[in-house]
Amino acid sequence: MSHTPDYFARLDDGSGLVVDVRPADRVGPEDAVKFSGTEAMCQEMGCWSFALVHEPDPVEMANVRWLSGYRHPRNRVGDVARRLMDAFDDPRLLIDGAQAVGDPLSVLPTLYHLLWCGDLSLDLAVPLGDGSMIGCAAVSHG
């Protein structure tokens, strides 16, 4: 029985990640055996890991699609971005932080851009809206 995984990624630490992509409702018994064998091979390699990825969550995808509309750097207004980062230093509701910085109509494009870039964070599994809890992204000190 042969199997070719869908993706291989080399990670920053030099290790590898083998990824298979299959909708959960299309993983049959033969597929499960192949995926299990691929995972075992990765464990034998020692420096590779394995992930079986299913279809994305529809709410998460809708949020990512919305935020992607603000990915262009023209949406990052420097002074507004700095004030938003300060406003969300402690997590708060999206609308409260936007209003604290200025008129939400002029502030929201920069806020959405900061979310897209990962400077600010939120739970993407919850529909994005005025009541979304926003905070500064965790800073890695490694």
N, C-alpha and C. Protein backbone atom coordinates (compact mmCIF):
# COMPACT_ATOMS: atom_id res chain seq x y z
N MET A 1 0.85 -1.17 0.00
CA MET A 1 0.00 0.00 0.00
C MET A 1 0.90 1.24 0.00
N SER A 2 0.78 2.08 -1.01
CA SER A 2 1.62 3.28 -1.08
C SER A 2 0.81 4.50 -0.66
N HIS A 3 1.54 5.52 -0.24
CA HIS A 3 0.90 6.76 0.19
C HIS A 3 1.88 7.91 0.02
N THR A 4 1.42 8.99 -0.54
CA THR A 4 2.21 10.21 -0.65
C THR A 4 1.49 11.31 0.10
N PRO A 5 2.10 11.83 1.19
CA PRO A 5 1.47 12.92 1.94
C PRO A 5 1.28 14.17 1.06
N ASP A 6 0.41 15.05 1.51
CA ASP A 6 0.09 16.24 0.73
C ASP A 6 1.16 17.32 0.82
N TYR A 7 1.74 17.50 1.99
CA TYR A 7 2.71 18.59 2.17
C TYR A 7 3.85 18.16 3.07
N PHE A 8 4.99 18.78 2.83
CA PHE A 8 6.12 18.68 3.75
C PHE A 8 6.62 20.10 3.99
N ALA A 9 6.82 20.45 5.25
CA ALA A 9 7.32 21.79 5.59
C ALA A 9 8.56 21.66 6.46
N ARG A 10 9.55 22.47 6.17
CA ARG A 10 10.74 22.55 7.01
C ARG A 10 10.50 23.70 8.00
N LEU A 11 10.54 23.41 9.28
CA LEU A 11 10.26 24.40 10.31
C LEU A 11 11.52 25.19 10.69
N ASP A 12 11.32 26.30 11.38
CA ASP A 12 12.44 27.18 11.76
C ASP A 12 13.53 26.44 12.53
N ASP A 13 13.14 25.47 13.35
CA ASP A 13 14.13 24.76 14.15
C ASP A 13 14.83 23.64 13.38
N GLY A 14 14.52 23.50 12.08
CA GLY A 14 15.15 22.49 11.25
C GLY A 14 14.38 21.18 11.18
N SER A 15 13.40 21.01 12.03
CA SER A 15 12.60 19.79 11.99
C SER A 15 11.64 19.83 10.81
N GLY A 16 10.99 18.70 10.56
CA GLY A 16 10.06 18.63 9.45
C GLY A 16 8.64 18.39 9.93
N LEU A 17 7.70 18.81 9.11
CA LEU A 17 6.28 18.58 9.38
C LEU A 17 5.67 17.98 8.13
N VAL A 18 5.11 16.78 8.27
CA VAL A 18 4.43 16.09 7.19
C VAL A 18 2.93 16.29 7.42
N VAL A 19 2.22 16.73 6.37
CA VAL A 19 0.80 17.06 6.51
C VAL A 19 -0.01 16.30 5.47
N ASP A 20 -1.06 15.66 5.95
CA ASP A 20 -2.08 15.09 5.08
C ASP A 20 -3.35 15.90 5.27
N VAL A 21 -4.04 16.16 4.17
CA VAL A 21 -5.27 16.94 4.20
C VAL A 21 -6.40 16.07 3.66
N ARG A 22 -7.43 15.90 4.47
CA ARG A 22 -8.57 15.08 4.05
C ARG A 22 -9.78 15.50 4.88
N PRO A 23 -10.92 15.76 4.26
CA PRO A 23 -12.13 16.04 5.04
C PRO A 23 -12.41 14.87 5.98
N ALA A 24 -12.85 15.19 7.20
CA ALA A 24 -13.05 14.16 8.22
C ALA A 24 -14.01 13.07 7.75
N ASP A 25 -15.02 13.45 6.99
CA ASP A 25 -16.00 12.44 6.56
C ASP A 25 -15.50 11.58 5.39
N ARG A 26 -14.28 11.85 4.93
CA ARG A 26 -13.70 11.05 3.84
C ARG A 26 -12.47 10.25 4.29
N VAL A 27 -12.31 10.08 5.60
CA VAL A 27 -11.22 9.25 6.11
C VAL A 27 -11.79 7.86 6.39
N GLY A 28 -11.55 6.96 5.46
CA GLY A 28 -12.02 5.59 5.61
C GLY A 28 -10.98 4.74 6.32
N PRO A 29 -11.29 3.47 6.55
CA PRO A 29 -10.36 2.57 7.26
C PRO A 29 -9.00 2.44 6.56
N GLU A 30 -8.99 2.35 5.22
CA GLU A 30 -7.70 2.25 4.52
C GLU A 30 -6.88 3.52 4.68
N ASP A 31 -7.57 4.67 4.63
CA ASP A 31 -6.87 5.95 4.82
C ASP A 31 -6.29 6.04 6.22
N ALA A 32 -7.07 5.62 7.21
CA ALA A 32 -6.60 5.68 8.60
C ALA A 32 -5.33 4.87 8.77
N VAL A 33 -5.24 3.70 8.11
CA VAL A 33 -4.03 2.87 8.17
C VAL A 33 -2.85 3.61 7.53
N LYS A 34 -3.08 4.23 6.38
CA LYS A 34 -2.01 4.98 5.70
C LYS A 34 -1.53 6.15 6.57
N PHE A 35 -2.47 6.88 7.15
CA PHE A 35 -2.09 8.03 7.97
C PHE A 35 -1.33 7.58 9.22
N SER A 36 -1.79 6.47 9.80
CA SER A 36 -1.11 5.93 10.98
C SER A 36 0.32 5.51 10.64
N GLY A 37 0.48 4.88 9.47
CA GLY A 37 1.82 4.48 9.03
C GLY A 37 2.72 5.68 8.77
N THR A 38 2.15 6.71 8.19
CA THR A 38 2.93 7.93 7.93
C THR A 38 3.36 8.56 9.25
N GLU A 39 2.44 8.60 10.22
CA GLU A 39 2.79 9.16 11.53
C GLU A 39 3.88 8.34 12.21
N ALA A 40 3.80 7.02 12.11
CA ALA A 40 4.82 6.15 12.71
C ALA A 40 6.18 6.39 12.06
N MET A 41 6.19 6.55 10.72
CA MET A 41 7.45 6.84 10.02
C MET A 41 8.04 8.16 10.50
N CYS A 42 7.18 9.16 10.71
CA CYS A 42 7.67 10.46 11.19
C CYS A 42 8.28 10.33 12.58
N GLN A 43 7.64 9.54 13.43
CA GLN A 43 8.18 9.33 14.78
C GLN A 43 9.53 8.62 14.73
N GLU A 44 9.68 7.68 13.81
CA GLU A 44 10.96 6.98 13.65
C GLU A 44 12.05 7.95 13.20
N MET A 45 11.69 8.93 12.38
CA MET A 45 12.67 9.91 11.91
C MET A 45 13.19 10.73 13.09
N GLY A 46 12.37 10.90 14.11
CA GLY A 46 12.80 11.62 15.29
C GLY A 46 12.66 13.12 15.20
N CYS A 47 12.91 13.68 14.05
CA CYS A 47 12.87 15.14 13.94
C CYS A 47 11.73 15.60 13.02
N TRP A 48 10.80 14.69 12.73
CA TRP A 48 9.64 15.03 11.92
C TRP A 48 8.38 14.82 12.74
N SER A 49 7.39 15.65 12.49
CA SER A 49 6.09 15.45 13.11
C SER A 49 5.05 15.29 12.01
N PHE A 50 3.87 14.81 12.39
CA PHE A 50 2.81 14.54 11.43
C PHE A 50 1.54 15.23 11.87
N ALA A 51 0.79 15.74 10.90
CA ALA A 51 -0.51 16.34 11.19
C ALA A 51 -1.51 15.91 10.12
N LEU A 52 -2.67 15.47 10.56
CA LEU A 52 -3.79 15.19 9.67
C LEU A 52 -4.74 16.37 9.83
N VAL A 53 -4.95 17.08 8.76
CA VAL A 53 -5.75 18.31 8.79
C VAL A 53 -7.06 18.06 8.06
N HIS A 54 -8.16 18.47 8.70
CA HIS A 54 -9.48 18.33 8.10
C HIS A 54 -9.94 19.68 7.56
N GLU A 55 -11.18 19.76 7.14
CA GLU A 55 -11.71 21.00 6.59
C GLU A 55 -11.70 22.09 7.66
N PRO A 56 -11.47 23.34 7.23
CA PRO A 56 -11.42 24.44 8.21
C PRO A 56 -12.80 24.75 8.78
N ASP A 57 -12.81 25.29 9.96
CA ASP A 57 -14.04 25.73 10.60
C ASP A 57 -14.65 26.87 9.79
N PRO A 58 -15.94 26.83 9.46
CA PRO A 58 -16.54 27.87 8.62
C PRO A 58 -16.50 29.27 9.24
N VAL A 59 -16.66 29.37 10.55
CA VAL A 59 -16.59 30.69 11.20
C VAL A 59 -15.18 31.23 11.12
N GLU A 60 -14.21 30.38 11.40
CA GLU A 60 -12.81 30.81 11.31
C GLU A 60 -12.46 31.27 9.90
N MET A 61 -12.91 30.51 8.91
CA MET A 61 -12.64 30.89 7.52
C MET A 61 -13.31 32.20 7.15
N ALA A 62 -14.53 32.43 7.61
CA ALA A 62 -15.22 33.70 7.33
C ALA A 62 -14.45 34.86 7.95
N ASN A 63 -13.96 34.68 9.18
CA ASN A 63 -13.18 35.74 9.83
C ASN A 63 -11.88 36.01 9.08
N VAL A 64 -11.19 34.96 8.69
CA VAL A 64 -9.92 35.13 7.95
C VAL A 64 -10.19 35.81 6.61
N ARG A 65 -11.26 35.41 5.93
CA ARG A 65 -11.61 36.03 4.65
C ARG A 65 -11.86 37.53 4.85
N TRP A 66 -12.60 37.89 5.90
CA TRP A 66 -12.89 39.30 6.18
C TRP A 66 -11.59 40.07 6.45
N LEU A 67 -10.77 39.54 7.35
CA LEU A 67 -9.53 40.23 7.71
C LEU A 67 -8.57 40.33 6.54
N SER A 68 -8.60 39.36 5.64
CA SER A 68 -7.69 39.40 4.49
C SER A 68 -7.94 40.62 3.61
N GLY A 69 -9.13 41.17 3.67
CA GLY A 69 -9.43 42.38 2.91
C GLY A 69 -8.66 43.60 3.42
N TYR A 70 -8.07 43.47 4.59
CA TYR A 70 -7.32 44.58 5.20
C TYR A 70 -5.83 44.28 5.31
N ARG A 71 -5.35 43.31 4.51
CA ARG A 71 -3.95 42.90 4.61
C ARG A 71 -2.98 43.90 4.01
N HIS A 72 -3.42 44.74 3.11
CA HIS A 72 -2.52 45.68 2.44
C HIS A 72 -1.98 46.71 3.45
N PRO A 73 -0.69 47.01 3.39
CA PRO A 73 -0.09 47.97 4.32
C PRO A 73 -0.73 49.36 4.32
N ARG A 74 -1.45 49.71 3.27
CA ARG A 74 -2.09 51.04 3.25
C ARG A 74 -3.11 51.18 4.38
N ASN A 75 -3.55 50.07 4.95
CA ASN A 75 -4.51 50.12 6.04
C ASN A 75 -3.87 50.40 7.39
N ARG A 76 -2.54 50.33 7.46
CA ARG A 76 -1.83 50.60 8.72
C ARG A 76 -1.47 52.08 8.78
N VAL A 77 -2.28 52.83 9.50
CA VAL A 77 -2.01 54.24 9.73
C VAL A 77 -1.19 54.32 11.01
N GLY A 78 0.06 54.78 10.89
CA GLY A 78 1.04 54.70 11.98
C GLY A 78 0.55 55.16 13.33
N ASP A 79 0.06 56.39 13.42
CA ASP A 79 -0.38 56.92 14.71
C ASP A 79 -1.58 56.15 15.25
N VAL A 80 -2.50 55.80 14.37
CA VAL A 80 -3.69 55.03 14.77
C VAL A 80 -3.26 53.65 15.25
N ALA A 81 -2.33 53.03 14.56
CA ALA A 81 -1.84 51.71 14.95
C ALA A 81 -1.22 51.75 16.34
N ARG A 82 -0.41 52.75 16.61
CA ARG A 82 0.22 52.87 17.94
C ARG A 82 -0.84 53.04 19.03
N ARG A 83 -1.82 53.88 18.76
CA ARG A 83 -2.87 54.12 19.76
C ARG A 83 -3.73 52.88 19.96
N LEU A 84 -3.98 52.13 18.89
CA LEU A 84 -4.75 50.88 19.02
C LEU A 84 -3.97 49.85 19.85
N MET A 85 -2.67 49.74 19.60
CA MET A 85 -1.86 48.80 20.38
C MET A 85 -1.93 49.16 21.87
N ASP A 86 -1.88 50.45 22.17
CA ASP A 86 -2.00 50.89 23.57
C ASP A 86 -3.40 50.59 24.11
N ALA A 87 -4.43 50.86 23.29
CA ALA A 87 -5.82 50.67 23.73
C ALA A 87 -6.11 49.21 24.06
N PHE A 88 -5.47 48.29 23.34
CA PHE A 88 -5.72 46.87 23.55
C PHE A 88 -4.62 46.20 24.36
N ASP A 89 -3.80 46.99 25.05
CA ASP A 89 -2.76 46.43 25.91
C ASP A 89 -3.39 45.47 26.92
N ASP A 90 -4.54 45.86 27.46
CA ASP A 90 -5.37 44.95 28.26
C ASP A 90 -6.54 44.57 27.36
N PRO A 91 -6.88 43.29 27.26
CA PRO A 91 -7.96 42.88 26.37
C PRO A 91 -9.27 43.62 26.66
N ARG A 92 -9.95 43.97 25.58
CA ARG A 92 -11.24 44.64 25.70
C ARG A 92 -12.05 44.39 24.44
N LEU A 93 -13.31 44.80 24.46
CA LEU A 93 -14.17 44.61 23.30
C LEU A 93 -13.69 45.45 22.12
N LEU A 94 -13.82 44.91 20.93
CA LEU A 94 -13.39 45.57 19.70
C LEU A 94 -13.93 46.99 19.62
N ILE A 95 -15.23 47.17 19.81
CA ILE A 95 -15.84 48.49 19.64
C ILE A 95 -15.36 49.46 20.71
N ASP A 96 -15.14 48.99 21.93
CA ASP A 96 -14.66 49.88 22.99
C ASP A 96 -13.26 50.40 22.68
N GLY A 97 -12.39 49.52 22.23
CA GLY A 97 -11.03 49.94 21.89
C GLY A 97 -11.00 50.87 20.69
N ALA A 98 -11.82 50.57 19.68
CA ALA A 98 -11.88 51.43 18.49
C ALA A 98 -12.39 52.81 18.86
N GLN A 99 -13.44 52.89 19.67
CA GLN A 99 -13.99 54.18 20.07
C GLN A 99 -13.03 54.96 20.95
N ALA A 100 -12.22 54.27 21.73
CA ALA A 100 -11.24 54.94 22.58
C ALA A 100 -10.17 55.65 21.75
N VAL A 101 -9.94 55.16 20.53
CA VAL A 101 -8.90 55.72 19.67
C VAL A 101 -9.44 56.81 18.75
N GLY A 102 -10.72 56.72 18.39
CA GLY A 102 -11.29 57.73 17.49
C GLY A 102 -12.58 57.24 16.87
N ASP A 103 -12.94 57.84 15.76
CA ASP A 103 -14.14 57.45 15.03
C ASP A 103 -13.94 56.04 14.48
N PRO A 104 -14.78 55.08 14.89
CA PRO A 104 -14.59 53.70 14.44
C PRO A 104 -14.49 53.56 12.92
N LEU A 105 -15.21 54.37 12.16
CA LEU A 105 -15.13 54.26 10.70
C LEU A 105 -13.71 54.51 10.18
N SER A 106 -12.99 55.39 10.84
CA SER A 106 -11.62 55.66 10.38
C SER A 106 -10.59 54.77 11.07
N VAL A 107 -10.94 54.21 12.22
CA VAL A 107 -10.01 53.41 13.01
C VAL A 107 -10.05 51.92 12.63
N LEU A 108 -11.24 51.42 12.27
CA LEU A 108 -11.40 49.98 12.04
C LEU A 108 -10.50 49.40 10.95
N PRO A 109 -10.26 50.08 9.82
CA PRO A 109 -9.34 49.48 8.84
C PRO A 109 -7.96 49.18 9.43
N THR A 110 -7.44 50.07 10.25
CA THR A 110 -6.14 49.82 10.88
C THR A 110 -6.26 48.70 11.91
N LEU A 111 -7.35 48.68 12.66
CA LEU A 111 -7.57 47.61 13.63
C LEU A 111 -7.61 46.24 12.94
N TYR A 112 -8.36 46.14 11.85
CA TYR A 112 -8.44 44.88 11.11
C TYR A 112 -7.08 44.50 10.53
N HIS A 113 -6.31 45.49 10.08
CA HIS A 113 -4.97 45.21 9.56
C HIS A 113 -4.07 44.65 10.68
N LEU A 114 -4.15 45.23 11.86
CA LEU A 114 -3.34 44.74 12.98
C LEU A 114 -3.74 43.32 13.36
N LEU A 115 -5.03 43.01 13.25
CA LEU A 115 -5.47 41.63 13.50
C LEU A 115 -4.93 40.70 12.43
N TRP A 116 -5.00 41.13 11.16
CA TRP A 116 -4.49 40.31 10.05
C TRP A 116 -3.00 40.01 10.24
N CYS A 117 -2.24 41.02 10.63
CA CYS A 117 -0.79 40.88 10.78
C CYS A 117 -0.39 40.12 12.04
N GLY A 118 -1.33 39.94 12.96
CA GLY A 118 -1.02 39.24 14.20
C GLY A 118 -0.49 40.13 15.30
N ASP A 119 -0.53 41.45 15.10
CA ASP A 119 -0.10 42.37 16.17
C ASP A 119 -1.13 42.40 17.28
N LEU A 120 -2.40 42.28 16.92
CA LEU A 120 -3.49 42.12 17.87
C LEU A 120 -4.08 40.74 17.65
N SER A 121 -4.74 40.20 18.66
CA SER A 121 -5.27 38.84 18.53
C SER A 121 -6.71 38.76 19.00
N LEU A 122 -7.38 37.72 18.51
CA LEU A 122 -8.75 37.41 18.90
C LEU A 122 -8.99 35.94 18.66
N ASP A 123 -10.10 35.44 19.16
CA ASP A 123 -10.49 34.05 18.94
C ASP A 123 -11.19 33.98 17.60
N LEU A 124 -10.53 33.42 16.60
CA LEU A 124 -11.10 33.36 15.25
C LEU A 124 -12.26 32.38 15.14
N ALA A 125 -12.46 31.53 16.14
CA ALA A 125 -13.56 30.56 16.10
C ALA A 125 -14.90 31.19 16.49
N VAL A 126 -14.86 32.45 16.92
CA VAL A 126 -16.07 33.18 17.30
C VAL A 126 -16.30 34.26 16.25
N PRO A 127 -17.56 34.45 15.80
CA PRO A 127 -17.80 35.47 14.76
C PRO A 127 -17.25 36.84 15.16
N LEU A 128 -16.54 37.46 14.23
CA LEU A 128 -15.94 38.77 14.43
C LEU A 128 -17.02 39.84 14.43
N GLY A 129 -16.99 40.71 15.43
CA GLY A 129 -17.96 41.79 15.51
C GLY A 129 -17.60 42.76 16.62
N ASP A 130 -18.48 43.72 16.86
CA ASP A 130 -18.24 44.74 17.88
C ASP A 130 -17.93 44.14 19.25
N GLY A 131 -18.51 42.99 19.56
CA GLY A 131 -18.33 42.35 20.85
C GLY A 131 -17.16 41.39 20.93
N SER A 132 -16.33 41.33 19.89
CA SER A 132 -15.16 40.46 19.91
C SER A 132 -14.15 40.97 20.93
N MET A 133 -13.58 40.05 21.70
CA MET A 133 -12.55 40.40 22.67
C MET A 133 -11.20 40.44 21.94
N ILE A 134 -10.55 41.59 22.00
CA ILE A 134 -9.28 41.81 21.30
C ILE A 134 -8.19 42.08 22.33
N GLY A 135 -6.99 41.60 22.07
CA GLY A 135 -5.86 41.88 22.94
C GLY A 135 -4.59 41.93 22.11
N CYS A 136 -3.52 42.37 22.73
CA CYS A 136 -2.22 42.36 22.06
C CYS A 136 -1.77 40.92 21.92
N ALA A 137 -1.13 40.63 20.80
CA ALA A 137 -0.63 39.27 20.57
C ALA A 137 0.47 38.97 21.57
N ALA A 138 0.59 37.72 21.93
CA ALA A 138 1.64 37.31 22.86
C ALA A 138 2.98 37.54 22.20
N VAL A 139 3.90 38.09 22.95
CA VAL A 139 5.24 38.37 22.44
C VAL A 139 6.15 37.25 22.89
N SER A 140 6.86 36.67 21.94
CA SER A 140 7.80 35.61 22.25
C SER A 140 9.13 36.20 22.67
N HIS A 141 9.65 35.71 23.79
CA HIS A 141 10.94 36.18 24.29
C HIS A 141 11.94 35.03 24.27
N GLY A 142 12.03 34.34 23.12
CA GLY A 142 12.89 33.15 23.06
C GLY A 142 14.06 33.39 22.33
